PDB file of N, CA and C in Angstrom:
ATOM      1  N   UNK A   1       0.831  -1.176   0.000  1.00  0.00           N
ATOM      2  CA  UNK A   1       0.000   0.000   0.000  1.00  0.00           C
ATOM      3  C   UNK A   1       0.882   1.249   0.000  1.00  0.00           C
ATOM      4  N   UNK A   2       0.623   2.144  -0.941  1.00  0.00           N
ATOM      5  CA  UNK A   2       1.436   3.345  -1.052  1.00  0.00           C
ATOM      6  C   UNK A   2       1.134   4.338   0.075  1.00  0.00           C
ATOM      7  N   UNK A   3       2.193   5.013   0.487  1.00  0.00           N
ATOM      8  CA  UNK A   3       2.050   6.032   1.525  1.00  0.00           C
ATOM      9  C   UNK A   3       1.528   7.310   0.876  1.00  0.00           C
ATOM     10  N   UNK A   4       0.571   7.946   1.538  1.00  0.00           N
ATOM     11  CA  UNK A   4       0.088   9.226   1.047  1.00  0.00           C
ATOM     12  C   UNK A   4       0.789  10.353   1.800  1.00  0.00           C
ATOM     13  N   UNK A   5       0.493  11.582   1.414  1.00  0.00           N
ATOM     14  CA  UNK A   5       1.160  12.742   1.995  1.00  0.00           C
ATOM     15  C   UNK A   5       0.934  12.832   3.502  1.00  0.00           C
ATOM     16  N   UNK A   6      -0.287  12.592   3.937  1.00  0.00           N
ATOM     17  CA  UNK A   6      -0.598  12.674   5.366  1.00  0.00           C
ATOM     18  C   UNK A   6       0.206  11.645   6.157  1.00  0.00           C
ATOM     19  N   UNK A   7       0.297  10.437   5.637  1.00  0.00           N
ATOM     20  CA  UNK A   7       1.046   9.375   6.315  1.00  0.00           C
ATOM     21  C   UNK A   7       2.524   9.726   6.402  1.00  0.00           C
ATOM     22  N   UNK A   8       3.067  10.275   5.339  1.00  0.00           N
ATOM     23  CA  UNK A   8       4.485  10.644   5.337  1.00  0.00           C
ATOM     24  C   UNK A   8       4.739  11.766   6.339  1.00  0.00           C
ATOM     25  N   UNK A   9       3.861  12.758   6.389  1.00  0.00           N
ATOM     26  CA  UNK A   9       4.011  13.831   7.386  1.00  0.00           C
ATOM     27  C   UNK A   9       3.991  13.254   8.796  1.00  0.00           C
ATOM     28  N   UNK A  10       3.055  12.351   9.036  1.00  0.00           N
ATOM     29  CA  UNK A  10       2.957  11.737  10.361  1.00  0.00           C
ATOM     30  C   UNK A  10       4.213  10.928  10.679  1.00  0.00           C
ATOM     31  N   UNK A  11       4.753  10.205   9.696  1.00  0.00           N
ATOM     32  CA  UNK A  11       5.979   9.428   9.896  1.00  0.00           C
ATOM     33  C   UNK A  11       7.129  10.340  10.317  1.00  0.00           C
ATOM     34  N   UNK A  12       7.273  11.467   9.632  1.00  0.00           N
ATOM     35  CA  UNK A  12       8.360  12.405   9.924  1.00  0.00           C
ATOM     36  C   UNK A  12       8.223  12.956  11.342  1.00  0.00           C
ATOM     37  N   UNK A  13       7.044  13.461  11.650  1.00  0.00           N
ATOM     38  CA  UNK A  13       6.840  14.056  12.977  1.00  0.00           C
ATOM     39  C   UNK A  13       6.951  13.013  14.084  1.00  0.00           C
ATOM     40  N   UNK A  14       6.446  11.814  13.820  1.00  0.00           N
ATOM     41  CA  UNK A  14       6.518  10.755  14.829  1.00  0.00           C
ATOM     42  C   UNK A  14       7.968  10.353  15.103  1.00  0.00           C
ATOM     43  N   UNK A  15       8.812  10.379  14.087  1.00  0.00           N
ATOM     44  CA  UNK A  15      10.223  10.036  14.305  1.00  0.00           C
ATOM     45  C   UNK A  15      10.892  11.077  15.199  1.00  0.00           C
ATOM     46  N   UNK A  16      10.596  12.370  14.973  1.00  0.00           N
ATOM     47  CA  UNK A  16      11.116  13.400  15.876  1.00  0.00           C
ATOM     48  C   UNK A  16      10.643  13.139  17.295  1.00  0.00           C
ATOM     49  N   UNK A  17       9.364  12.796  17.448  1.00  0.00           N
ATOM     50  CA  UNK A  17       8.808  12.543  18.784  1.00  0.00           C
ATOM     51  C   UNK A  17       9.471  11.321  19.417  1.00  0.00           C
ATOM     52  N   UNK A  18       9.597  10.262  18.646  1.00  0.00           N
ATOM     53  CA  UNK A  18      10.195   9.012  19.145  1.00  0.00           C
ATOM     54  C   UNK A  18      11.617   9.242  19.650  1.00  0.00           C
ATOM     55  N   UNK A  19      12.364  10.082  18.932  1.00  0.00           N
ATOM     56  CA  UNK A  19      13.751  10.360  19.320  1.00  0.00           C
ATOM     57  C   UNK A  19      13.852  11.451  20.383  1.00  0.00           C
ATOM     58  N   UNK A  20      12.690  12.014  20.774  1.00  0.00           N
ATOM     59  CA  UNK A  20      12.636  13.091  21.763  1.00  0.00           C
ATOM     60  C   UNK A  20      13.573  14.231  21.382  1.00  0.00           C
ATOM     61  N   UNK A  21      13.497  14.615  20.119  1.00  0.00           N
ATOM     62  CA  UNK A  21      14.362  15.675  19.595  1.00  0.00           C
ATOM     63  C   UNK A  21      13.866  17.046  20.014  1.00  0.00           C
ATOM     64  N   UNK A  22      14.800  17.980  20.129  1.00  0.00           N
ATOM     65  CA  UNK A  22      14.496  19.359  20.468  1.00  0.00           C
ATOM     66  C   UNK A  22      14.623  20.216  19.215  1.00  0.00           C
ATOM     67  N   UNK A  23      14.140  21.447  19.302  1.00  0.00           N
ATOM     68  CA  UNK A  23      14.267  22.378  18.190  1.00  0.00           C
ATOM     69  C   UNK A  23      15.729  22.461  17.756  1.00  0.00           C
ATOM     70  N   UNK A  24      15.952  22.481  16.469  1.00  0.00           N
ATOM     71  CA  UNK A  24      17.303  22.529  15.924  1.00  0.00           C
ATOM     72  C   UNK A  24      17.885  21.157  15.626  1.00  0.00           C
ATOM     73  N   UNK A  25      17.229  20.099  16.098  1.00  0.00           N
ATOM     74  CA  UNK A  25      17.717  18.743  15.855  1.00  0.00           C
ATOM     75  C   UNK A  25      17.374  18.315  14.430  1.00  0.00           C
ATOM     76  N   UNK A  26      18.275  17.587  13.834  1.00  0.00           N
ATOM     77  CA  UNK A  26      18.110  17.087  12.477  1.00  0.00           C
ATOM     78  C   UNK A  26      17.852  15.588  12.553  1.00  0.00           C
ATOM     79  N   UNK A  27      16.877  15.122  11.763  1.00  0.00           N
ATOM     80  CA  UNK A  27      16.631  13.675  11.741  1.00  0.00           C
ATOM     81  C   UNK A  27      17.898  12.958  11.288  1.00  0.00           C
ATOM     82  N   UNK A  28      18.254  11.868  11.941  1.00  0.00           N
ATOM     83  CA  UNK A  28      19.467  11.143  11.559  1.00  0.00           C
ATOM     84  C   UNK A  28      19.417  10.712  10.094  1.00  0.00           C
ATOM     85  N   UNK A  29      20.500  11.011   9.381  1.00  0.00           N
ATOM     86  CA  UNK A  29      20.568  10.679   7.958  1.00  0.00           C
ATOM     87  C   UNK A  29      20.406   9.182   7.723  1.00  0.00           C
ATOM     88  N   UNK A  30      20.976   8.364   8.612  1.00  0.00           N
ATOM     89  CA  UNK A  30      20.839   6.905   8.457  1.00  0.00           C
ATOM     90  C   UNK A  30      19.374   6.500   8.397  1.00  0.00           C
ATOM     91  N   UNK A  31      18.586   7.032   9.314  1.00  0.00           N
ATOM     92  CA  UNK A  31      17.163   6.686   9.315  1.00  0.00           C
ATOM     93  C   UNK A  31      16.464   7.281   8.109  1.00  0.00           C
ATOM     94  N   UNK A  32      16.658   8.586   7.901  1.00  0.00           N
ATOM     95  CA  UNK A  32      15.919   9.260   6.844  1.00  0.00           C
ATOM     96  C   UNK A  32      16.259   8.686   5.473  1.00  0.00           C
ATOM     97  N   UNK A  33      17.535   8.510   5.193  1.00  0.00           N
ATOM     98  CA  UNK A  33      17.939   8.055   3.867  1.00  0.00           C
ATOM     99  C   UNK A  33      17.767   6.550   3.696  1.00  0.00           C
ATOM    100  N   UNK A  34      18.315   5.777   4.612  1.00  0.00           N
ATOM    101  CA  UNK A  34      18.384   4.328   4.401  1.00  0.00           C
ATOM    102  C   UNK A  34      17.165   3.569   4.909  1.00  0.00           C
ATOM    103  N   UNK A  35      16.653   3.956   6.057  1.00  0.00           N
ATOM    104  CA  UNK A  35      15.515   3.226   6.619  1.00  0.00           C
ATOM    105  C   UNK A  35      14.181   3.726   6.102  1.00  0.00           C
ATOM    106  N   UNK A  36      14.152   4.939   5.571  1.00  0.00           N
ATOM    107  CA  UNK A  36      12.864   5.489   5.156  1.00  0.00           C
ATOM    108  C   UNK A  36      12.839   5.813   3.656  1.00  0.00           C
ATOM    109  N   UNK A  37      13.612   6.820   3.245  1.00  0.00           N
ATOM    110  CA  UNK A  37      13.523   7.328   1.880  1.00  0.00           C
ATOM    111  C   UNK A  37      13.839   6.260   0.837  1.00  0.00           C
ATOM    112  N   UNK A  38      14.879   5.476   1.060  1.00  0.00           N
ATOM    113  CA  UNK A  38      15.265   4.458   0.073  1.00  0.00           C
ATOM    114  C   UNK A  38      14.216   3.363  -0.092  1.00  0.00           C
ATOM    115  N   UNK A  39      13.327   3.224   0.871  1.00  0.00           N
ATOM    116  CA  UNK A  39      12.291   2.189   0.801  1.00  0.00           C
ATOM    117  C   UNK A  39      11.000   2.687   0.142  1.00  0.00           C
ATOM    118  N   UNK A  40      10.959   3.966  -0.187  1.00  0.00           N
ATOM    119  CA  UNK A  40       9.779   4.516  -0.838  1.00  0.00           C
ATOM    120  C   UNK A  40       9.811   4.226  -2.335  1.00  0.00           C
ATOM    121  N   UNK A  41       8.637   4.120  -2.918  1.00  0.00           N
ATOM    122  CA  UNK A  41       8.546   3.979  -4.369  1.00  0.00           C
ATOM    123  C   UNK A  41       8.889   5.326  -5.008  1.00  0.00           C
ATOM    124  N   UNK A  42       9.066   5.342  -6.304  1.00  0.00           N
ATOM    125  CA  UNK A  42       9.339   6.586  -7.009  1.00  0.00           C
ATOM    126  C   UNK A  42       8.223   7.598  -6.765  1.00  0.00           C
ATOM    127  N   UNK A  43       6.991   7.138  -6.841  1.00  0.00           N
ATOM    128  CA  UNK A  43       5.847   8.022  -6.581  1.00  0.00           C
ATOM    129  C   UNK A  43       5.884   8.551  -5.146  1.00  0.00           C
ATOM    130  N   UNK A  44       6.142   7.669  -4.185  1.00  0.00           N
ATOM    131  CA  UNK A  44       6.170   8.078  -2.783  1.00  0.00           C
ATOM    132  C   UNK A  44       7.296   9.075  -2.511  1.00  0.00           C
ATOM    133  N   UNK A  45       8.402   8.964  -3.229  1.00  0.00           N
ATOM    134  CA  UNK A  45       9.498   9.923  -3.064  1.00  0.00           C
ATOM    135  C   UNK A  45       9.054  11.312  -3.498  1.00  0.00           C
ATOM    136  N   UNK A  46       8.248  11.395  -4.535  1.00  0.00           N
ATOM    137  CA  UNK A  46       7.701  12.685  -4.967  1.00  0.00           C
ATOM    138  C   UNK A  46       6.746  13.230  -3.905  1.00  0.00           C
ATOM    139  N   UNK A  47       5.919  12.344  -3.358  1.00  0.00           N
ATOM    140  CA  UNK A  47       4.979  12.747  -2.312  1.00  0.00           C
ATOM    141  C   UNK A  47       5.746  13.184  -1.067  1.00  0.00           C
ATOM    142  N   UNK A  48       6.844  12.500  -0.759  1.00  0.00           N
ATOM    143  CA  UNK A  48       7.687  12.880   0.381  1.00  0.00           C
ATOM    144  C   UNK A  48       8.162  14.322   0.222  1.00  0.00           C
ATOM    145  N   UNK A  49       8.627  14.669  -0.973  1.00  0.00           N
ATOM    146  CA  UNK A  49       9.101  16.031  -1.233  1.00  0.00           C
ATOM    147  C   UNK A  49       7.993  17.042  -0.937  1.00  0.00           C
ATOM    148  N   UNK A  50       6.790  16.742  -1.378  1.00  0.00           N
ATOM    149  CA  UNK A  50       5.650  17.627  -1.149  1.00  0.00           C
ATOM    150  C   UNK A  50       5.315  17.704   0.344  1.00  0.00           C
ATOM    151  N   UNK A  51       5.296  16.559   0.996  1.00  0.00           N
ATOM    152  CA  UNK A  51       4.951  16.506   2.421  1.00  0.00           C
ATOM    153  C   UNK A  51       5.963  17.300   3.246  1.00  0.00           C
ATOM    154  N   UNK A  52       7.241  17.101   2.976  1.00  0.00           N
ATOM    155  CA  UNK A  52       8.282  17.814   3.716  1.00  0.00           C
ATOM    156  C   UNK A  52       8.187  19.315   3.456  1.00  0.00           C
ATOM    157  N   UNK A  53       7.929  19.697   2.220  1.00  0.00           N
ATOM    158  CA  UNK A  53       7.792  21.120   1.887  1.00  0.00           C
ATOM    159  C   UNK A  53       6.588  21.734   2.608  1.00  0.00           C
ATOM    160  N   UNK A  54       5.506  20.983   2.717  1.00  0.00           N
ATOM    161  CA  UNK A  54       4.323  21.481   3.434  1.00  0.00           C
ATOM    162  C   UNK A  54       4.598  21.639   4.931  1.00  0.00           C
ATOM    163  N   UNK A  55       5.306  20.680   5.520  1.00  0.00           N
ATOM    164  CA  UNK A  55       5.671  20.813   6.937  1.00  0.00           C
ATOM    165  C   UNK A  55       6.540  22.055   7.140  1.00  0.00           C
ATOM    166  N   UNK A  56       7.430  22.310   6.189  1.00  0.00           N
ATOM    167  CA  UNK A  56       8.283  23.500   6.268  1.00  0.00           C
ATOM    168  C   UNK A  56       7.460  24.775   6.077  1.00  0.00           C
ATOM    169  N   UNK A  57       6.496  24.735   5.177  1.00  0.00           N
ATOM    170  CA  UNK A  57       5.708  25.945   4.900  1.00  0.00           C
ATOM    171  C   UNK A  57       4.859  26.380   6.096  1.00  0.00           C
ATOM    172  N   UNK A  58       4.509  25.435   6.960  1.00  0.00           N
ATOM    173  CA  UNK A  58       3.743  25.806   8.159  1.00  0.00           C
ATOM    174  C   UNK A  58       4.654  25.958   9.385  1.00  0.00           C
ATOM    175  N   UNK A  59       5.964  25.852   9.148  1.00  0.00           N
ATOM    176  CA  UNK A  59       6.924  26.172  10.193  1.00  0.00           C
ATOM    177  C   UNK A  59       7.248  25.080  11.188  1.00  0.00           C
ATOM    178  N   UNK A  60       6.901  23.834  10.887  1.00  0.00           N
ATOM    179  CA  UNK A  60       7.186  22.754  11.839  1.00  0.00           C
ATOM    180  C   UNK A  60       8.602  22.206  11.681  1.00  0.00           C
ATOM    181  N   UNK A  61       9.125  22.269  10.461  1.00  0.00           N
ATOM    182  CA  UNK A  61      10.485  21.809  10.189  1.00  0.00           C
ATOM    183  C   UNK A  61      11.140  22.777   9.208  1.00  0.00           C
ATOM    184  N   UNK A  62      12.449  22.704   9.136  1.00  0.00           N
ATOM    185  CA  UNK A  62      13.201  23.322   8.048  1.00  0.00           C
ATOM    186  C   UNK A  62      13.584  22.173   7.135  1.00  0.00           C
ATOM    187  N   UNK A  63      13.456  22.379   5.836  1.00  0.00           N
ATOM    188  CA  UNK A  63      13.658  21.293   4.882  1.00  0.00           C
ATOM    189  C   UNK A  63      14.676  21.688   3.836  1.00  0.00           C
ATOM    190  N   UNK A  64      15.713  20.870   3.700  1.00  0.00           N
ATOM    191  CA  UNK A  64      16.708  21.028   2.642  1.00  0.00           C
ATOM    192  C   UNK A  64      16.604  19.793   1.757  1.00  0.00           C
ATOM    193  N   UNK A  65      16.037  19.955   0.548  1.00  0.00           N
ATOM    194  CA  UNK A  65      15.807  18.790  -0.303  1.00  0.00           C
ATOM    195  C   UNK A  65      17.050  18.279  -1.021  1.00  0.00           C
ATOM    196  N   UNK A  66      18.216  18.833  -0.817  1.00  0.00           N
ATOM    197  CA  UNK A  66      19.449  18.441  -1.488  1.00  0.00           C
ATOM    198  C   UNK A  66      19.550  16.985  -1.924  1.00  0.00           C
ATOM    199  N   UNK A  67      20.729  16.540  -2.220  1.00  0.00           N
ATOM    200  CA  UNK A  67      20.950  15.160  -2.658  1.00  0.00           C
ATOM    201  C   UNK A  67      20.426  14.188  -1.611  1.00  0.00           C
ATOM    202  N   UNK A  68      20.724  14.471  -0.363  1.00  0.00           N
ATOM    203  CA  UNK A  68      20.176  13.702   0.740  1.00  0.00           C
ATOM    204  C   UNK A  68      19.276  14.651   1.531  1.00  0.00           C
ATOM    205  N   UNK A  69      17.973  14.432   1.507  1.00  0.00           N
ATOM    206  CA  UNK A  69      17.055  15.344   2.203  1.00  0.00           C
ATOM    207  C   UNK A  69      17.430  15.495   3.674  1.00  0.00           C
ATOM    208  N   UNK A  70      17.254  16.725   4.184  1.00  0.00           N
ATOM    209  CA  UNK A  70      17.543  17.003   5.588  1.00  0.00           C
ATOM    210  C   UNK A  70      16.339  17.701   6.195  1.00  0.00           C
ATOM    211  N   UNK A  71      15.925  17.226   7.346  1.00  0.00           N
ATOM    212  CA  UNK A  71      14.789  17.806   8.058  1.00  0.00           C
ATOM    213  C   UNK A  71      15.239  18.204   9.456  1.00  0.00           C
ATOM    214  N   UNK A  72      15.005  19.477   9.779  1.00  0.00           N
ATOM    215  CA  UNK A  72      15.385  20.012  11.091  1.00  0.00           C
ATOM    216  C   UNK A  72      14.114  20.484  11.798  1.00  0.00           C
ATOM    217  N   UNK A  73      13.949  20.063  13.033  1.00  0.00           N
ATOM    218  CA  UNK A  73      12.793  20.441  13.828  1.00  0.00           C
ATOM    219  C   UNK A  73      12.898  21.903  14.257  1.00  0.00           C
ATOM    220  N   UNK A  74      11.820  22.651  14.111  1.00  0.00           N
ATOM    221  CA  UNK A  74      11.785  24.047  14.553  1.00  0.00           C
ATOM    222  C   UNK A  74      11.215  24.125  15.967  1.00  0.00           C
ATOM    223  N   UNK A  75      11.289  25.316  16.537  1.00  0.00           N
ATOM    224  CA  UNK A  75      10.703  25.546  17.863  1.00  0.00           C
ATOM    225  C   UNK A  75       9.196  25.266  17.814  1.00  0.00           C
ATOM    226  N   UNK A  76       8.548  25.736  16.766  1.00  0.00           N
ATOM    227  CA  UNK A  76       7.109  25.507  16.609  1.00  0.00           C
ATOM    228  C   UNK A  76       6.810  24.006  16.542  1.00  0.00           C
ATOM    229  N   UNK A  77       7.635  23.261  15.807  1.00  0.00           N
ATOM    230  CA  UNK A  77       7.452  21.820  15.714  1.00  0.00           C
ATOM    231  C   UNK A  77       7.643  21.129  17.051  1.00  0.00           C
ATOM    232  N   UNK A  78       8.658  21.575  17.801  1.00  0.00           N
ATOM    233  CA  UNK A  78       8.894  20.998  19.129  1.00  0.00           C
ATOM    234  C   UNK A  78       7.690  21.237  20.034  1.00  0.00           C
ATOM    235  N   UNK A  79       7.178  22.449  20.049  1.00  0.00           N
ATOM    236  CA  UNK A  79       6.014  22.754  20.886  1.00  0.00           C
ATOM    237  C   UNK A  79       4.816  21.900  20.500  1.00  0.00           C
ATOM    238  N   UNK A  80       4.585  21.757  19.210  1.00  0.00           N
ATOM    239  CA  UNK A  80       3.454  20.948  18.756  1.00  0.00           C
ATOM    240  C   UNK A  80       3.595  19.490  19.223  1.00  0.00           C
ATOM    241  N   UNK A  81       4.786  18.936  19.055  1.00  0.00           N
ATOM    242  CA  UNK A  81       4.998  17.518  19.381  1.00  0.00           C
ATOM    243  C   UNK A  81       4.972  17.223  20.883  1.00  0.00           C
ATOM    244  N   UNK A  82       5.537  18.128  21.669  1.00  0.00           N
ATOM    245  CA  UNK A  82       5.725  17.801  23.074  1.00  0.00           C
ATOM    246  C   UNK A  82       4.859  18.587  24.052  1.00  0.00           C
ATOM    247  N   UNK A  83       4.319  19.694  23.584  1.00  0.00           N
ATOM    248  CA  UNK A  83       3.532  20.513  24.499  1.00  0.00           C
ATOM    249  C   UNK A  83       2.127  20.784  23.968  1.00  0.00           C
ATOM    250  N   UNK A  84       1.840  20.287  22.759  1.00  0.00           N
ATOM    251  CA  UNK A  84       0.506  20.413  22.189  1.00  0.00           C
ATOM    252  C   UNK A  84       0.082  21.829  21.879  1.00  0.00           C
ATOM    253  N   UNK A  85       1.042  22.705  21.589  1.00  0.00           N
ATOM    254  CA  UNK A  85       0.711  24.108  21.289  1.00  0.00           C
ATOM    255  C   UNK A  85       1.038  24.431  19.868  1.00  0.00           C
TER     256      UNK A  85
END
């Protein structure tokens, strides 16, 4: 079953929560690239780009789509994940 945009957003945010990351923390490249991104289909990789960009547009993460995507948790994202604000 293909992952949709909502599922990918939830996966990203849940990983930050699982790792108990603080604002400014970057998702580990090993997880993001090898355990997650490399396992997505070509279509899902396109959806991932959109999902990450949307999370960035609402200020929950900073997103660098470079060769290896990088996601950094913002203060707003930390508050949402851990304090519900």
